[in-house]
Structure formats: structure tokens, C-alpha cells
C-alpha atoms as a PDB file:
ATOM      1  CA  MET A   1      -0.190   8.528  -9.503  1.00  0.00           C
ATOM      2  CA  THR A   2       3.190   9.260 -10.947  1.00  0.00           C
ATOM      3  CA  ARG A   3       4.085   7.167 -13.953  1.00  0.00           C
ATOM      4  CA  ARG A   4       7.453   7.334 -15.601  1.00  0.00           C
ATOM      5  CA  THR A   5       8.855   5.569 -18.596  1.00  0.00           C
ATOM      6  CA  SER A   6      11.933   3.476 -18.050  1.00  0.00           C
ATOM      7  CA  PRO A   7      14.791   4.823 -20.206  1.00  0.00           C
ATOM      8  CA  GLY A   8      15.325   2.835 -23.363  1.00  0.00           C
ATOM      9  CA  THR A   9      12.095   0.851 -23.024  1.00  0.00           C
ATOM     10  CA  CYS A  10       8.397   1.302 -23.532  1.00  0.00           C
ATOM     11  CA  ASP A  11       7.721   0.025 -20.006  1.00  0.00           C
ATOM     12  CA  VAL A  12       6.010   2.223 -17.438  1.00  0.00           C
ATOM     13  CA  VAL A  13       7.024   2.340 -13.783  1.00  0.00           C
ATOM     14  CA  VAL A  14       4.619   3.546 -11.073  1.00  0.00           C
ATOM     15  CA  ASP A  15       6.122   5.499  -8.195  1.00  0.00           C
ATOM     16  CA  GLY A  16       5.361   4.551  -4.617  1.00  0.00           C
ATOM     17  CA  ASP A  17       6.913   5.035  -1.208  1.00  0.00           C
ATOM     18  CA  PRO A  18       9.247   2.379   0.283  1.00  0.00           C
ATOM     19  CA  THR A  19       6.229   0.279   1.347  1.00  0.00           C
ATOM     20  CA  GLY A  20       4.641   0.494  -2.114  1.00  0.00           C
ATOM     21  CA  ARG A  21       1.912   3.001  -1.217  1.00  0.00           C
ATOM     22  CA  THR A  22       1.081   5.369  -4.083  1.00  0.00           C
ATOM     23  CA  GLU A  23      -0.470   8.800  -3.790  1.00  0.00           C
ATOM     24  CA  ILE A  24      -3.885   7.245  -4.564  1.00  0.00           C
ATOM     25  CA  PRO A  25      -5.517   5.809  -1.414  1.00  0.00           C
ATOM     26  CA  GLY A  26      -5.833   2.027  -1.618  1.00  0.00           C
ATOM     27  CA  VAL A  27      -3.437   1.670  -4.564  1.00  0.00           C
ATOM     28  CA  TRP A  28      -0.125  -0.058  -3.931  1.00  0.00           C
ATOM     29  CA  VAL A  29       2.737  -1.030  -6.217  1.00  0.00           C
ATOM     30  CA  ALA A  30       5.475  -3.616  -5.813  1.00  0.00           C
ATOM     31  CA  GLY A  31       8.059  -5.618  -7.677  1.00  0.00           C
ATOM     32  CA  ASN A  32       8.762  -4.809 -11.290  1.00  0.00           C
ATOM     33  CA  ALA A  33       5.872  -2.337 -11.468  1.00  0.00           C
ATOM     34  CA  ALA A  34       7.905  -0.147  -9.117  1.00  0.00           C
ATOM     35  CA  ASP A  35      11.430  -1.096 -10.217  1.00  0.00           C
ATOM     36  CA  LEU A  36      12.011  -2.647 -13.620  1.00  0.00           C
ATOM     37  CA  SER A  37      15.552  -3.641 -12.676  1.00  0.00           C
ATOM     38  CA  ALA A  38      14.435  -5.697  -9.658  1.00  0.00           C
ATOM     39  CA  MET A  39      15.399  -9.349  -9.782  1.00  0.00           C
ATOM     40  CA  VAL A  40      12.903 -11.992  -8.660  1.00  0.00           C
ATOM     41  CA  SER A  41      14.070 -12.056  -5.037  1.00  0.00           C
ATOM     42  CA  VAL A  42      13.973  -8.250  -4.749  1.00  0.00           C
ATOM     43  CA  ALA A  43      10.588  -8.061  -6.465  1.00  0.00           C
ATOM     44  CA  GLY A  44       9.255 -10.783  -4.155  1.00  0.00           C
ATOM     45  CA  GLY A  45      10.591  -8.963  -1.110  1.00  0.00           C
ATOM     46  CA  ALA A  46       8.901  -5.769  -2.262  1.00  0.00           C
ATOM     47  CA  GLY A  47       5.655  -7.724  -2.555  1.00  0.00           C
ATOM     48  CA  VAL A  48       6.001  -8.993   1.018  1.00  0.00           C
ATOM     49  CA  LEU A  49       6.689  -5.476   2.283  1.00  0.00           C
ATOM     50  CA  ALA A  50       3.719  -4.073   0.377  1.00  0.00           C
ATOM     51  CA  GLY A  51       1.498  -6.883   1.691  1.00  0.00           C
ATOM     52  CA  ALA A  52       2.488  -6.135   5.283  1.00  0.00           C
ATOM     53  CA  ALA A  53       1.839  -2.421   4.751  1.00  0.00           C
ATOM     54  CA  ILE A  54      -1.559  -3.148   3.165  1.00  0.00           C
ATOM     55  CA  ASN A  55      -2.476  -5.337   6.134  1.00  0.00           C
ATOM     56  CA  ALA A  56      -1.467  -2.583   8.565  1.00  0.00           C
ATOM     57  CA  ASP A  57      -3.547  -0.088   6.594  1.00  0.00           C
ATOM     58  CA  LEU A  58      -6.599  -2.376   6.704  1.00  0.00           C
ATOM     59  CA  VAL A  59      -6.168  -2.969  10.455  1.00  0.00           C
ATOM     60  CA  ARG A  60      -5.951   0.804  10.990  1.00  0.00           C
ATOM     61  CA  GLU A  61      -9.201   1.286   9.054  1.00  0.00           C
ATOM     62  CA  ASP A  62     -10.908  -1.424  11.138  1.00  0.00           C
ATOM     63  CA  VAL A  63      -9.735   0.150  14.396  1.00  0.00           C
ATOM     64  CA  GLU A  64     -10.884   3.615  13.306  1.00  0.00           C
ATOM     65  CA  ALA A  65     -14.314   2.211  12.364  1.00  0.00           C
ATOM     66  CA  ALA A  66     -14.602   0.417  15.719  1.00  0.00           C
ATOM     67  CA  VAL A  67     -13.691   3.581  17.620  1.00  0.00           C
ATOM     68  CA  ARG A  68     -16.264   5.597  15.651  1.00  0.00           C
ATOM     69  CA  ALA A  69     -18.938   2.956  16.316  1.00  0.00           C
ATOM     70  CA  ARG A  70     -18.085   2.830  20.020  1.00  0.00           C
ATOM     71  CA  SER A  71     -18.148   6.629  20.269  1.00  0.00           C
ATOM     72  CA  ALA A  72     -21.578   6.762  18.605  1.00  0.00           C
ATOM     73  CA  ALA A  73     -23.077   4.039  20.839  1.00  0.00           C
ATOM     74  CA  PRO A  74     -25.126   5.102  23.847  1.00  0.00           C
ATOM     75  CA  ALA A  75     -23.293   4.979  27.172  1.00  0.00           C
ATOM     76  CA  ARG A  76     -23.760   1.783  29.149  1.00  0.00           C
ATOM     77  CA  THR A  77     -25.071   1.979  32.688  1.00  0.00           C
ATOM     78  CA  GLY A  78     -24.911  -0.605  35.121  1.00  0.00           C
END
């Protein structure tokens, strides 16, 4: 995870992609943790975007698990 110090402060900012995903699987960042200059509305919007991306990631994991389970199940006859 890339951490950088905000110039002129002792605050740390964590880098993520536009949806908030970091390089560590399952770790997301939003709001002022990603952009110290973000005002409340921008930080809140980043949280909504990250939440939607997290939900999509969880749905993808569920679908992949269901496909694996279906592939491993014996064929139905009938």
C-alpha cells in the first residue's frame, strides 16, 4: 500500500484507484484518507463510490464461488 505524507502536514494519505481500491486485496480507501483536501461532499461522494465498488467486488466473489461449486457438483440426470 502506498502511503505518502501530505506536504506541510504530518498527515498520511493512502493511494487508491478512482474507486478507492488499494493494491492490497480487500483494502479500500475513501474520503480524506485518500485526499486530504476533499471537502465533506467530495469525501462523502468518494465513500459512496468506494461502497459501490466494494459491493461489486463482493458480488463477483459470490458469483465465482457459485460457479466453482456448480462445476464441482456431479452432473444431474433426469
